[in-house]
Amino acid sequence: MNANEAQKQEYKKYVKQVTPTHNLWYEMFKAFLTGGLICLLGQFILNTIMQTGLDKETSGTWCSILLVLLSILLTGLNIYPSIAKWGGAGALVPITGFANGVAAPAIEYKKEGQVFGIGSKIFTIAGPVILYGILTSWLVGLLYWLGQCLHWW
């Protein structure tokens, strides 16, 4: 074995040594648990608000607002990133993860000013989601309208 082959073998050994290994089932369990706890909290908030006499739709709106507020507060206190790191997709998929995706860049770039910091960076993570959500809803609305005009529906 020449020196080049030995160097390649050493490199492969090093890469294998430093590459993190993950237990897929354990990671899925953590995501399921985290997402489930967020949903449990949301259901608790919803039930509590409904007990005040508000209808289900209004209570759902308040529940969403409170979950977003809680997520932004936890992001500002640097707690939500730890939850997301541990819980993975379980913390990033619900509405709380979206709120974290908007708040985190705003907090990170606030030192660069209102316009060049917060204003230009606030939607770096959530911007594509908002853009494609609006674009898709516009296209579906257009197809629905065309269907109504042509009596497809």
Protein backbone atom coordinates (compact mmCIF):
# COMPACT_ATOMS: atom_id res chain seq x y z
CA MET A 1 0.00 0.00 0.00
CA ASN A 2 1.47 3.32 -1.02
CA ALA A 3 1.40 6.54 0.97
CA ASN A 4 -1.59 7.90 -0.95
CA GLU A 5 -3.72 4.82 -0.17
CA ALA A 6 -2.71 4.97 3.50
CA GLN A 7 -3.68 8.64 3.64
CA LYS A 8 -7.09 7.82 2.09
CA GLN A 9 -7.64 5.05 4.64
CA GLU A 10 -6.72 7.36 7.50
CA TYR A 11 -9.08 10.00 6.15
CA LYS A 12 -11.96 7.50 5.87
CA LYS A 13 -11.30 6.37 9.42
CA TYR A 14 -11.29 10.00 10.63
CA VAL A 15 -14.53 10.82 8.78
CA LYS A 16 -16.25 7.77 10.25
CA GLN A 17 -15.02 8.76 13.71
CA VAL A 18 -16.27 12.37 13.59
CA THR A 19 -19.50 11.78 11.65
CA PRO A 20 -22.40 11.87 14.09
CA THR A 21 -24.63 8.82 14.15
CA HIS A 22 -28.31 9.09 14.88
CA ASN A 23 -30.81 6.53 16.02
CA LEU A 24 -33.73 7.15 13.65
CA TRP A 25 -36.37 5.67 15.95
CA TYR A 26 -35.15 7.73 18.91
CA GLU A 27 -35.11 10.92 16.82
CA MET A 28 -38.65 10.21 15.58
CA PHE A 29 -39.78 9.56 19.15
CA LYS A 30 -38.34 12.91 20.28
CA ALA A 31 -40.06 14.71 17.39
CA PHE A 32 -43.34 12.94 18.15
CA LEU A 33 -43.08 13.78 21.85
CA THR A 34 -42.18 17.42 21.22
CA GLY A 35 -44.91 17.95 18.63
CA GLY A 36 -47.38 16.12 20.85
CA LEU A 37 -46.56 18.32 23.83
CA ILE A 38 -46.99 21.46 21.72
CA CYS A 39 -50.35 20.15 20.51
CA LEU A 40 -51.31 19.23 24.07
CA LEU A 41 -50.49 22.78 25.17
CA GLY A 42 -52.53 24.14 22.26
CA GLN A 43 -55.50 21.93 23.17
CA PHE A 44 -55.25 23.06 26.80
CA ILE A 45 -55.24 26.71 25.71
CA LEU A 46 -58.16 26.09 23.35
CA ASN A 47 -60.25 24.35 26.02
CA THR A 48 -59.44 27.03 28.59
CA ILE A 49 -60.47 29.83 26.22
CA MET A 50 -63.65 27.99 25.20
CA GLN A 51 -64.63 27.77 28.86
CA THR A 52 -64.79 31.57 28.93
CA GLY A 53 -67.79 31.35 26.60
CA LEU A 54 -66.15 32.11 23.24
CA ASP A 55 -67.11 30.01 20.22
CA LYS A 56 -64.69 27.41 18.82
CA GLU A 57 -63.50 29.53 15.88
CA THR A 58 -62.68 32.57 18.01
CA SER A 59 -61.07 30.35 20.64
CA GLY A 60 -58.94 28.74 17.91
CA THR A 61 -57.79 32.16 16.75
CA TRP A 62 -56.80 33.14 20.29
CA CYS A 63 -55.07 29.79 20.77
CA SER A 64 -52.97 30.36 17.62
CA ILE A 65 -52.12 33.90 18.72
CA LEU A 66 -51.03 32.72 22.16
CA LEU A 67 -48.94 29.86 20.76
CA VAL A 68 -47.18 32.27 18.39
CA LEU A 69 -46.61 34.74 21.24
CA LEU A 70 -45.22 32.00 23.48
CA SER A 71 -42.93 30.79 20.70
CA ILE A 72 -41.60 34.30 20.07
CA LEU A 73 -41.02 34.86 23.80
CA LEU A 74 -39.18 31.54 24.09
CA THR A 75 -37.14 32.43 20.99
CA GLY A 76 -36.23 35.79 22.50
CA LEU A 77 -35.14 34.07 25.71
CA ASN A 78 -33.07 31.60 23.64
CA ILE A 79 -35.11 28.63 24.90
CA TYR A 80 -36.99 27.65 21.73
CA PRO A 81 -33.80 26.88 19.75
CA SER A 82 -32.90 24.30 22.41
CA ILE A 83 -36.38 22.80 22.18
CA ALA A 84 -36.09 22.68 18.38
CA LYS A 85 -32.62 21.14 18.54
CA TRP A 86 -33.87 18.38 20.82
CA GLY A 87 -37.31 17.87 19.26
CA GLY A 88 -36.40 18.35 15.59
CA ALA A 89 -39.39 18.48 13.27
CA GLY A 90 -41.73 18.12 16.23
CA ALA A 91 -40.87 21.70 17.21
CA LEU A 92 -40.36 23.11 13.73
CA VAL A 93 -43.51 21.95 11.93
CA PRO A 94 -46.29 23.43 14.13
CA ILE A 95 -47.20 27.13 14.05
CA THR A 96 -44.72 27.66 16.87
CA GLY A 97 -41.87 26.66 14.58
CA PHE A 98 -43.03 29.12 11.94
CA ALA A 99 -43.13 31.91 14.53
CA ASN A 100 -39.64 30.92 15.64
CA GLY A 101 -38.51 31.04 11.99
CA VAL A 102 -39.68 34.65 11.70
CA ALA A 103 -38.53 35.85 15.12
CA ALA A 104 -35.05 34.28 15.17
CA PRO A 105 -33.58 36.24 12.23
CA ALA A 106 -35.17 39.46 13.50
CA ILE A 107 -33.55 38.97 16.89
CA GLU A 108 -30.23 37.91 15.40
CA TYR A 109 -29.92 40.90 13.05
CA LYS A 110 -31.45 43.64 15.25
CA LYS A 111 -27.98 45.06 15.97
CA GLU A 112 -27.67 45.96 12.26
CA GLY A 113 -30.61 48.35 12.53
CA GLN A 114 -34.30 48.50 11.76
CA VAL A 115 -34.00 48.55 7.96
CA PHE A 116 -30.82 46.67 7.08
CA GLY A 117 -31.06 44.28 10.01
CA ILE A 118 -34.60 43.42 10.99
CA GLY A 119 -36.33 44.66 7.85
CA SER A 120 -34.14 42.80 5.39
CA LYS A 121 -33.57 39.60 7.37
CA ILE A 122 -36.88 38.94 9.16
CA PHE A 123 -38.28 36.73 6.39
CA THR A 124 -35.10 34.89 5.37
CA ILE A 125 -36.45 31.60 6.75
CA ALA A 126 -40.21 32.15 6.56
CA GLY A 127 -40.19 34.19 3.35
CA PRO A 128 -40.23 31.22 0.94
CA VAL A 129 -43.08 29.64 2.91
CA ILE A 130 -45.11 32.83 2.73
CA LEU A 131 -44.26 33.39 -0.93
CA TYR A 132 -45.18 29.90 -2.11
CA GLY A 133 -48.23 29.80 0.16
CA ILE A 134 -49.56 33.01 -1.39
CA LEU A 135 -48.63 31.91 -4.91
CA THR A 136 -50.29 28.52 -4.48
CA SER A 137 -53.45 30.02 -2.98
CA TRP A 138 -53.60 32.52 -5.84
CA LEU A 139 -53.28 29.75 -8.44
CA VAL A 140 -55.89 27.58 -6.73
CA GLY A 141 -58.21 30.60 -6.52
CA LEU A 142 -57.67 31.30 -10.21
CA LEU A 143 -58.44 27.68 -11.11
CA TYR A 144 -61.54 27.77 -8.93
CA TRP A 145 -62.68 31.01 -10.57
CA LEU A 146 -62.08 29.57 -14.05
CA GLY A 147 -63.97 26.47 -13.01
CA GLN A 148 -66.90 28.61 -11.88
CA CYS A 149 -66.85 30.57 -15.13
CA LEU A 150 -66.76 27.41 -17.22
CA HIS A 151 -69.09 25.49 -14.85
CA TRP A 152 -66.48 22.81 -14.05
CA TRP A 153 -67.41 22.81 -10.38
